[in-house]
Amino acid sequence: MQKSLPLAALLVAVSWAGMVSHANAALIDATLISVGQNSNRYGYLAWSRPSDTSTWSLDVVDGTAVQTGGTFSVQDWIAWGYTMTGATLGNFAPTATSWACIEGTLGATILAHICGQYGFGANGINDSVYTPTATGATVTLSGDDVYVGPPRTLENTLGLMSLTVVDGAPAGFQNYCLSSAVGTHTGPYPEYAPESPVNYCHQPGGNSAYSTPGYSFLFQTVVPAPPAIWLLGTALTSLCGRRWLRSREKVAEVPA
């Protein structure tokens, strides 16, 4: 008759399985809750996502967010917005299958191109061309338009983002903030003290974070039961089953 697994050996096996599971951590499904912009003057400003169909996964060990499907689409008030597909974001130069900055209505009012970062000049007409790609962007200046700064790209918009565990999720869930903002700023408003990273993704009941300019994504995941717990449950069930069978066999051996 086969002997049951000793309890000490069972616990060692469960502990080993838990360590292996952590070492081989994989992407987990995540729901994108909100997206916003961080400022050293206004704190956190939420962006609208009426056309966003993106789906995401997180690697919480490497601090990486992977866009697994759909089209990400976000709009900042009336200034500008952007779309992207197949993006991978984290503490590195981001990548994407496609990325495009979408001009809002503010630029035409202030005689400037927000995405291209150039002014229209004295004639008040947009004579130039801004061309975004998945890897960068170019501006071809024409007429009397004036260069203001580097055009908006995927990298200078969503580069070097750090993933932080934050509070605010209901039971059984966990929130993560992926943000390019940091807790100090060198802007013209030193009276605003920098906030903790947990506030970079503004949440109900929380405070807006005054920080360096940046962008923040709030994700939510389901908290899975540790694999070791499932293994322990299966092993204990097997152990109890074996003991029950042995007790039945002993009863069967008793003479009538």
Protein backbone atom coordinates (compact mmCIF):
# COMPACT_ATOMS: atom_id res chain seq x y z
CA MET A 1 0.00 0.00 0.00
CA GLN A 2 1.32 3.45 -0.92
CA LYS A 3 2.16 5.66 2.06
CA SER A 4 0.71 9.15 2.41
CA LEU A 5 2.96 12.19 2.05
CA PRO A 6 4.31 13.32 5.45
CA LEU A 7 3.00 16.75 6.50
CA ALA A 8 6.50 18.27 6.76
CA ALA A 9 7.32 17.20 3.21
CA LEU A 10 3.97 18.58 2.05
CA LEU A 11 4.68 22.00 3.55
CA VAL A 12 8.15 22.07 1.97
CA ALA A 13 6.60 21.30 -1.42
CA VAL A 14 4.00 24.04 -1.00
CA SER A 15 6.65 26.59 0.01
CA TRP A 16 8.80 25.66 -2.98
CA ALA A 17 5.83 25.94 -5.33
CA GLY A 18 5.05 29.41 -4.00
CA MET A 19 8.61 30.60 -4.63
CA VAL A 20 8.62 29.19 -8.15
CA SER A 21 5.27 30.85 -8.88
CA HIS A 22 6.60 34.25 -7.77
CA ALA A 23 9.80 33.85 -9.76
CA ASN A 24 7.79 33.06 -12.90
CA ALA A 25 5.31 35.92 -12.45
CA ALA A 26 3.32 36.59 -15.62
CA LEU A 27 1.04 39.30 -16.94
CA ILE A 28 -2.29 39.65 -15.17
CA ASP A 29 -5.44 41.21 -16.62
CA ALA A 30 -6.01 44.81 -15.54
CA THR A 31 -8.84 47.30 -15.95
CA LEU A 32 -7.86 50.87 -16.77
CA ILE A 33 -9.82 53.01 -14.30
CA SER A 34 -8.62 56.52 -15.14
CA VAL A 35 -5.95 58.56 -16.90
CA GLY A 36 -4.77 62.03 -15.97
CA GLN A 37 -2.09 64.66 -16.16
CA ASN A 38 0.05 65.80 -13.22
CA SER A 39 1.04 69.42 -12.72
CA ASN A 40 3.13 71.41 -10.27
CA ARG A 41 0.37 74.01 -10.13
CA TYR A 42 -2.98 72.29 -10.56
CA GLY A 43 -2.22 68.83 -9.21
CA TYR A 44 -3.99 65.94 -10.92
CA LEU A 45 -6.29 66.69 -13.87
CA ALA A 46 -8.41 63.80 -15.13
CA TRP A 47 -8.63 63.26 -18.89
CA SER A 48 -11.73 62.01 -20.71
CA ARG A 49 -11.81 58.67 -22.55
CA PRO A 50 -15.14 58.54 -24.44
CA SER A 51 -13.74 56.48 -27.32
CA ASP A 52 -11.24 54.33 -25.43
CA THR A 53 -11.54 50.58 -26.17
CA SER A 54 -8.11 49.51 -24.91
CA THR A 55 -7.49 46.39 -22.82
CA TRP A 56 -4.46 45.96 -20.59
CA SER A 57 -2.32 43.55 -18.61
CA LEU A 58 0.23 44.29 -15.89
CA ASP A 59 3.49 42.70 -14.86
CA VAL A 60 3.57 43.86 -11.25
CA VAL A 61 7.07 42.45 -10.72
CA ASP A 62 8.69 44.35 -13.60
CA GLY A 63 6.34 47.35 -13.31
CA THR A 64 5.17 47.04 -16.91
CA ALA A 65 1.78 47.76 -18.51
CA VAL A 66 1.01 46.05 -21.82
CA GLN A 67 -1.86 47.10 -24.07
CA THR A 68 -3.31 43.77 -25.20
CA GLY A 69 -6.04 45.03 -27.51
CA GLY A 70 -8.29 47.85 -28.66
CA THR A 71 -7.39 51.48 -29.26
CA PHE A 72 -6.38 53.73 -26.39
CA SER A 73 -7.90 57.18 -26.80
CA VAL A 74 -7.74 60.10 -24.38
CA GLN A 75 -8.56 63.81 -24.56
CA ASP A 76 -7.38 66.70 -22.37
CA TRP A 77 -10.18 69.26 -22.12
CA ILE A 78 -9.83 71.22 -25.41
CA ALA A 79 -6.03 71.30 -25.80
CA TRP A 80 -4.97 67.93 -27.21
CA GLY A 81 -5.23 64.17 -26.87
CA TYR A 82 -3.67 61.04 -28.28
CA THR A 83 -4.41 57.53 -29.46
CA MET A 84 -2.25 54.42 -29.48
CA THR A 85 -2.34 50.68 -30.08
CA GLY A 86 -0.06 47.86 -28.93
CA ALA A 87 1.70 49.96 -26.31
CA THR A 88 4.14 48.74 -23.66
CA LEU A 89 4.74 51.22 -20.84
CA GLY A 90 7.11 51.17 -17.89
CA ASN A 91 10.34 52.64 -16.55
CA PHE A 92 11.91 52.74 -20.01
CA ALA A 93 11.37 54.21 -23.45
CA PRO A 94 7.83 53.11 -24.39
CA THR A 95 6.92 51.24 -27.56
CA ALA A 96 3.69 50.99 -29.52
CA THR A 97 2.33 49.69 -32.79
CA SER A 98 0.86 53.14 -33.46
CA TRP A 99 0.71 56.50 -31.68
CA ALA A 100 -0.79 59.81 -32.74
CA CYS A 101 -1.26 63.16 -31.04
CA ILE A 102 -4.70 64.62 -31.74
CA GLU A 103 -5.02 68.40 -31.87
CA GLY A 104 -7.88 69.95 -29.90
CA THR A 105 -9.62 73.27 -30.45
CA LEU A 106 -7.45 75.38 -28.14
CA GLY A 107 -4.57 75.70 -30.60
CA ALA A 108 -6.61 77.55 -33.19
CA THR A 109 -7.71 80.00 -30.49
CA ILE A 110 -4.21 80.80 -29.24
CA LEU A 111 -2.67 80.55 -32.75
CA ALA A 112 -0.43 77.59 -31.99
CA HIS A 113 -0.16 73.88 -32.71
CA ILE A 114 -0.22 72.07 -29.36
CA CYS A 115 0.94 68.69 -30.67
CA GLY A 116 3.61 70.13 -32.94
CA GLN A 117 4.72 72.75 -30.40
CA TYR A 118 4.97 75.68 -32.80
CA GLY A 119 3.26 79.08 -33.15
CA PHE A 120 1.45 80.27 -36.26
CA GLY A 121 3.36 83.51 -36.60
CA ALA A 122 2.08 87.00 -37.41
CA ASN A 123 -0.31 85.86 -40.14
CA GLY A 124 -2.17 83.61 -37.67
CA ILE A 125 -2.27 80.73 -40.16
CA ASN A 126 -0.97 77.20 -39.67
CA ASP A 127 1.52 76.93 -42.51
CA SER A 128 3.42 73.89 -41.13
CA VAL A 129 2.92 70.12 -40.92
CA TYR A 130 3.18 67.95 -37.80
CA THR A 131 3.61 64.19 -38.46
CA PRO A 132 3.53 61.77 -35.48
CA THR A 133 4.65 58.14 -35.72
CA ALA A 134 4.97 55.22 -33.32
CA THR A 135 8.64 56.10 -32.76
CA GLY A 136 8.69 59.89 -32.88
CA ALA A 137 7.35 62.95 -34.68
CA THR A 138 8.50 65.53 -37.20
CA VAL A 139 7.53 69.14 -37.85
CA THR A 140 8.06 70.77 -41.22
CA LEU A 141 7.99 74.51 -40.59
CA SER A 142 6.73 76.78 -43.33
CA GLY A 143 5.67 80.41 -43.73
CA ASP A 144 6.19 82.52 -40.64
CA ASP A 145 5.46 79.75 -38.13
CA VAL A 146 7.81 79.67 -35.13
CA TYR A 147 9.31 76.65 -33.39
CA VAL A 148 8.41 76.60 -29.65
CA GLY A 149 9.70 73.24 -28.40
CA PRO A 150 10.07 69.56 -29.27
CA PRO A 151 6.92 68.08 -30.81
CA ARG A 152 4.87 65.66 -28.72
CA THR A 153 5.88 62.03 -29.13
CA LEU A 154 5.10 58.73 -27.45
CA GLU A 155 8.43 58.82 -25.62
CA ASN A 156 8.26 62.36 -24.23
CA THR A 157 4.62 61.83 -23.25
CA LEU A 158 4.66 58.37 -21.66
CA GLY A 159 8.31 57.57 -21.03
CA LEU A 160 9.91 56.47 -17.73
CA MET A 161 6.75 55.51 -15.83
CA SER A 162 6.87 53.76 -12.44
CA LEU A 163 4.25 51.33 -11.11
CA THR A 164 3.13 51.80 -7.50
CA VAL A 165 0.60 49.91 -5.38
CA VAL A 166 -2.09 52.34 -4.17
CA ASP A 167 -5.14 52.12 -1.93
CA GLY A 168 -8.77 52.64 -2.84
CA ALA A 169 -9.75 49.29 -4.38
CA PRO A 170 -12.73 47.28 -3.09
CA ALA A 171 -12.18 43.96 -1.33
CA GLY A 172 -10.67 41.34 -3.62
CA PHE A 173 -9.08 43.92 -5.92
CA GLN A 174 -5.82 45.90 -6.02
CA ASN A 175 -5.12 49.33 -7.54
CA TYR A 176 -1.86 50.25 -9.26
CA CYS A 177 -0.71 53.70 -10.34
CA LEU A 178 1.59 53.90 -13.36
CA SER A 179 3.00 57.44 -13.43
CA SER A 180 5.80 59.51 -14.93
CA ALA A 181 5.39 62.17 -12.22
CA VAL A 182 7.89 62.36 -9.36
CA GLY A 183 7.58 63.76 -5.85
CA THR A 184 9.68 66.88 -6.30
CA HIS A 185 9.32 69.74 -8.73
CA THR A 186 11.34 72.71 -9.89
CA GLY A 187 8.41 74.71 -11.23
CA PRO A 188 7.53 78.32 -10.37
CA TYR A 189 5.19 77.32 -7.54
CA PRO A 190 7.35 76.09 -4.62
CA GLU A 191 4.53 76.80 -2.18
CA TYR A 192 2.93 73.55 -3.32
CA ALA A 193 4.52 70.72 -1.37
CA PRO A 194 5.12 67.50 -3.33
CA GLU A 195 2.79 64.63 -2.55
CA SER A 196 3.43 60.92 -2.09
CA PRO A 197 3.36 58.73 -5.23
CA VAL A 198 0.17 57.07 -3.94
CA ASN A 199 -1.67 60.28 -4.86
CA TYR A 200 -0.33 60.64 -8.40
CA CYS A 201 -3.41 58.76 -9.63
CA HIS A 202 -6.20 60.79 -8.04
CA GLN A 203 -8.75 58.65 -6.27
CA PRO A 204 -12.04 59.36 -4.49
CA GLY A 205 -11.28 60.81 -1.08
CA GLY A 206 -7.62 61.36 -1.93
CA ASN A 207 -5.59 64.48 -2.62
CA SER A 208 -4.30 65.78 -5.90
CA ALA A 209 -0.55 65.41 -6.23
CA TYR A 210 1.60 68.45 -6.88
CA SER A 211 4.63 67.09 -8.66
CA THR A 212 6.70 67.42 -11.75
CA PRO A 213 4.58 67.41 -14.92
CA GLY A 214 3.71 63.88 -15.94
CA TYR A 215 0.95 61.46 -16.81
CA SER A 216 -0.67 58.80 -14.67
CA PHE A 217 -2.70 55.64 -15.35
CA LEU A 218 -4.80 54.01 -12.62
CA PHE A 219 -5.27 50.25 -13.11
CA GLN A 220 -7.25 47.73 -11.09
CA THR A 221 -6.65 43.98 -10.91
CA VAL A 222 -8.33 41.05 -9.24
CA VAL A 223 -6.27 39.75 -6.32
CA PRO A 224 -5.63 36.08 -7.12
CA ALA A 225 -5.33 33.39 -4.48
CA PRO A 226 -1.65 32.41 -4.14
CA PRO A 227 -0.95 29.22 -6.15
CA ALA A 228 0.55 27.65 -3.05
CA ILE A 229 -2.87 27.81 -1.36
CA TRP A 230 -4.46 25.84 -4.21
CA LEU A 231 -1.66 23.30 -4.05
CA LEU A 232 -2.07 23.00 -0.29
CA GLY A 233 -5.82 22.46 -0.65
CA THR A 234 -5.34 19.81 -3.32
CA ALA A 235 -2.63 18.06 -1.33
CA LEU A 236 -4.67 18.05 1.89
CA THR A 237 -7.69 16.69 0.03
CA SER A 238 -5.53 13.91 -1.38
CA LEU A 239 -4.05 13.22 2.06
CA CYS A 240 -7.50 12.98 3.69
CA GLY A 241 -8.70 10.77 0.87
CA ARG A 242 -5.82 8.38 1.34
CA ARG A 243 -6.45 8.15 5.10
CA TRP A 244 -10.16 7.53 4.50
CA LEU A 245 -9.37 4.71 2.09
CA ARG A 246 -6.93 3.16 4.57
CA SER A 247 -9.57 3.28 7.30
CA ARG A 248 -12.05 1.55 4.99
CA GLU A 249 -9.48 -1.12 4.15
CA LYS A 250 -8.86 -1.78 7.87
CA VAL A 251 -12.58 -2.15 8.50
CA ALA A 252 -12.82 -4.57 5.60
CA GLU A 253 -10.00 -6.68 7.11
CA VAL A 254 -11.86 -7.23 10.42
CA PRO A 255 -13.30 -10.83 10.52
CA ALA A 256 -17.08 -11.06 10.46
